[in-house]
Amino acid sequence: MTIKTAQLSESERARWQQMVDEVRTSGALEGGHASNVTHAAQDSWVRGEFTFEQMGDAIRRTHPSTVGL
């Protein structure tokens, strides 16, 4: 179930998208590869469907080795 958590302005949405793009690029430059679940959670956050905490929770549920990071 998706719950709208924020009404984002276009400038705020663009800023959040830039943050996600930078994280993805940085990871790729370091040889990393994020899972489809991670990308989906990040995309939901950019759309305002997840809070930052919900995004992290979704990623940790799929990748339990990240708990505590």
N, C-alpha and C. Protein backbone atom coordinates (compact mmCIF):
# COMPACT_ATOMS: atom_id res chain seq x y z
N MET A 1 0.84 -1.17 0.00
CA MET A 1 0.00 0.00 0.00
C MET A 1 0.89 1.24 0.00
N THR A 2 0.58 2.18 -0.86
CA THR A 2 1.33 3.42 -0.94
C THR A 2 0.53 4.54 -0.28
N ILE A 3 1.16 5.28 0.58
CA ILE A 3 0.53 6.39 1.28
C ILE A 3 1.26 7.66 0.90
N LYS A 4 0.53 8.65 0.43
CA LYS A 4 1.16 9.94 0.13
C LYS A 4 1.61 10.57 1.44
N THR A 5 2.88 10.89 1.52
CA THR A 5 3.40 11.43 2.77
C THR A 5 3.77 12.89 2.65
N ALA A 6 3.89 13.41 1.44
CA ALA A 6 4.30 14.80 1.30
C ALA A 6 3.79 15.37 -0.02
N GLN A 7 3.42 16.62 0.03
CA GLN A 7 3.10 17.36 -1.18
C GLN A 7 4.36 18.13 -1.54
N LEU A 8 5.02 17.73 -2.60
CA LEU A 8 6.30 18.34 -2.96
C LEU A 8 6.12 19.35 -4.08
N SER A 9 6.83 20.46 -3.96
CA SER A 9 6.87 21.41 -5.06
C SER A 9 7.78 20.82 -6.14
N GLU A 10 7.68 21.34 -7.33
CA GLU A 10 8.53 20.83 -8.41
C GLU A 10 10.01 21.06 -8.10
N SER A 11 10.34 22.19 -7.47
CA SER A 11 11.75 22.44 -7.16
C SER A 11 12.25 21.48 -6.08
N GLU A 12 11.39 21.15 -5.11
CA GLU A 12 11.79 20.20 -4.07
C GLU A 12 11.93 18.80 -4.66
N ARG A 13 10.99 18.42 -5.51
CA ARG A 13 11.07 17.11 -6.17
C ARG A 13 12.36 17.01 -7.00
N ALA A 14 12.69 18.07 -7.70
CA ALA A 14 13.92 18.09 -8.51
C ALA A 14 15.16 17.97 -7.63
N ARG A 15 15.13 18.62 -6.47
CA ARG A 15 16.26 18.54 -5.54
C ARG A 15 16.42 17.13 -5.00
N TRP A 16 15.29 16.51 -4.63
CA TRP A 16 15.34 15.13 -4.12
C TRP A 16 15.83 14.18 -5.22
N GLN A 17 15.38 14.39 -6.45
CA GLN A 17 15.82 13.54 -7.56
C GLN A 17 17.32 13.70 -7.78
N GLN A 18 17.81 14.93 -7.66
CA GLN A 18 19.25 15.17 -7.81
C GLN A 18 20.03 14.43 -6.73
N MET A 19 19.52 14.43 -5.49
CA MET A 19 20.20 13.70 -4.42
C MET A 19 20.27 12.21 -4.73
N VAL A 20 19.16 11.64 -5.21
CA VAL A 20 19.12 10.21 -5.54
C VAL A 20 20.08 9.93 -6.70
N ASP A 21 20.07 10.79 -7.71
CA ASP A 21 20.97 10.61 -8.85
C ASP A 21 22.43 10.64 -8.42
N GLU A 22 22.75 11.55 -7.51
CA GLU A 22 24.14 11.64 -7.03
C GLU A 22 24.54 10.40 -6.24
N VAL A 23 23.63 9.89 -5.42
CA VAL A 23 23.92 8.67 -4.65
C VAL A 23 24.14 7.50 -5.61
N ARG A 24 23.27 7.37 -6.61
CA ARG A 24 23.40 6.27 -7.57
C ARG A 24 24.70 6.39 -8.36
N THR A 25 25.04 7.60 -8.79
CA THR A 25 26.27 7.80 -9.56
C THR A 25 27.49 7.51 -8.71
N SER A 26 27.49 7.99 -7.48
CA SER A 26 28.62 7.75 -6.58
C SER A 26 28.82 6.25 -6.36
N GLY A 27 27.73 5.56 -6.11
CA GLY A 27 27.82 4.11 -5.91
C GLY A 27 28.36 3.39 -7.14
N ALA A 28 27.87 3.80 -8.31
CA ALA A 28 28.32 3.17 -9.55
C ALA A 28 29.81 3.45 -9.80
N LEU A 29 30.25 4.66 -9.50
CA LEU A 29 31.66 4.99 -9.69
C LEU A 29 32.56 4.18 -8.76
N GLU A 30 32.01 3.76 -7.63
CA GLU A 30 32.78 2.95 -6.68
C GLU A 30 32.61 1.46 -6.97
N GLY A 31 31.92 1.12 -8.06
CA GLY A 31 31.75 -0.27 -8.44
C GLY A 31 30.54 -0.94 -7.84
N GLY A 32 29.69 -0.16 -7.20
CA GLY A 32 28.50 -0.73 -6.57
C GLY A 32 27.32 -0.80 -7.53
N HIS A 33 26.34 -1.56 -7.13
CA HIS A 33 25.10 -1.68 -7.91
C HIS A 33 23.94 -1.82 -6.93
N ALA A 34 23.03 -0.86 -6.98
CA ALA A 34 21.86 -0.91 -6.10
C ALA A 34 20.82 -1.85 -6.69
N SER A 35 20.09 -2.50 -5.81
CA SER A 35 19.05 -3.44 -6.24
C SER A 35 17.84 -2.69 -6.80
N ASN A 36 16.99 -3.43 -7.48
CA ASN A 36 15.75 -2.85 -7.99
C ASN A 36 14.87 -2.36 -6.84
N VAL A 37 14.89 -3.06 -5.71
CA VAL A 37 14.12 -2.65 -4.54
C VAL A 37 14.63 -1.30 -4.02
N THR A 38 15.93 -1.14 -3.98
CA THR A 38 16.51 0.12 -3.54
C THR A 38 16.10 1.25 -4.47
N HIS A 39 16.20 1.01 -5.78
CA HIS A 39 15.80 2.04 -6.75
C HIS A 39 14.32 2.38 -6.61
N ALA A 40 13.48 1.37 -6.41
CA ALA A 40 12.04 1.61 -6.26
C ALA A 40 11.76 2.43 -5.00
N ALA A 41 12.45 2.12 -3.91
CA ALA A 41 12.26 2.87 -2.67
C ALA A 41 12.72 4.32 -2.84
N GLN A 42 13.85 4.51 -3.50
CA GLN A 42 14.33 5.86 -3.76
C GLN A 42 13.34 6.63 -4.63
N ASP A 43 12.82 5.98 -5.66
CA ASP A 43 11.86 6.63 -6.55
C ASP A 43 10.58 7.00 -5.80
N SER A 44 10.13 6.13 -4.88
CA SER A 44 8.95 6.43 -4.07
C SER A 44 9.20 7.63 -3.17
N TRP A 45 10.40 7.75 -2.65
CA TRP A 45 10.75 8.90 -1.81
C TRP A 45 10.71 10.18 -2.64
N VAL A 46 11.28 10.13 -3.85
CA VAL A 46 11.28 11.32 -4.71
C VAL A 46 9.85 11.76 -5.05
N ARG A 47 8.96 10.80 -5.23
CA ARG A 47 7.56 11.13 -5.54
C ARG A 47 6.77 11.58 -4.31
N GLY A 48 7.38 11.48 -3.12
CA GLY A 48 6.70 11.88 -1.90
C GLY A 48 5.80 10.80 -1.34
N GLU A 49 5.97 9.57 -1.81
CA GLU A 49 5.15 8.45 -1.34
C GLU A 49 5.73 7.80 -0.09
N PHE A 50 7.04 7.98 0.13
CA PHE A 50 7.73 7.48 1.31
C PHE A 50 8.39 8.65 2.02
N THR A 51 8.44 8.59 3.35
CA THR A 51 9.32 9.48 4.07
C THR A 51 10.74 8.93 3.92
N PHE A 52 11.73 9.70 4.35
CA PHE A 52 13.10 9.22 4.29
C PHE A 52 13.25 7.95 5.13
N GLU A 53 12.58 7.94 6.28
CA GLU A 53 12.65 6.77 7.17
C GLU A 53 12.00 5.55 6.53
N GLN A 54 10.87 5.73 5.87
CA GLN A 54 10.20 4.61 5.20
C GLN A 54 11.07 4.06 4.08
N MET A 55 11.75 4.94 3.36
CA MET A 55 12.66 4.49 2.31
C MET A 55 13.74 3.60 2.90
N GLY A 56 14.35 4.06 3.99
CA GLY A 56 15.40 3.28 4.65
C GLY A 56 14.87 1.95 5.16
N ASP A 57 13.67 1.96 5.73
CA ASP A 57 13.07 0.72 6.23
C ASP A 57 12.86 -0.28 5.10
N ALA A 58 12.37 0.19 3.96
CA ALA A 58 12.12 -0.70 2.82
C ALA A 58 13.43 -1.33 2.34
N ILE A 59 14.48 -0.55 2.32
CA ILE A 59 15.79 -1.06 1.87
C ILE A 59 16.33 -2.06 2.89
N ARG A 60 16.23 -1.74 4.18
CA ARG A 60 16.76 -2.65 5.21
C ARG A 60 15.99 -3.97 5.27
N ARG A 61 14.69 -3.94 5.00
CA ARG A 61 13.92 -5.20 4.99
C ARG A 61 14.43 -6.14 3.89
N THR A 62 14.84 -5.59 2.78
CA THR A 62 15.32 -6.39 1.66
C THR A 62 16.79 -6.75 1.82
N HIS A 63 17.53 -5.88 2.46
CA HIS A 63 18.98 -6.07 2.63
C HIS A 63 19.31 -6.01 4.13
N PRO A 64 19.02 -7.08 4.87
CA PRO A 64 19.21 -7.05 6.32
C PRO A 64 20.65 -6.77 6.75
N SER A 65 21.61 -6.95 5.88
CA SER A 65 23.00 -6.69 6.26
C SER A 65 23.24 -5.20 6.48
N THR A 66 22.27 -4.34 6.07
CA THR A 66 22.44 -2.90 6.24
C THR A 66 21.89 -2.41 7.58
N VAL A 67 21.31 -3.29 8.37
CA VAL A 67 20.76 -2.90 9.67
C VAL A 67 21.91 -2.41 10.55
N GLY A 68 21.71 -1.27 11.16
CA GLY A 68 22.73 -0.70 12.01
C GLY A 68 23.66 0.25 11.29
N LEU A 69 23.47 0.41 9.99
CA LEU A 69 24.33 1.36 9.25
C LEU A 69 23.70 2.73 9.23
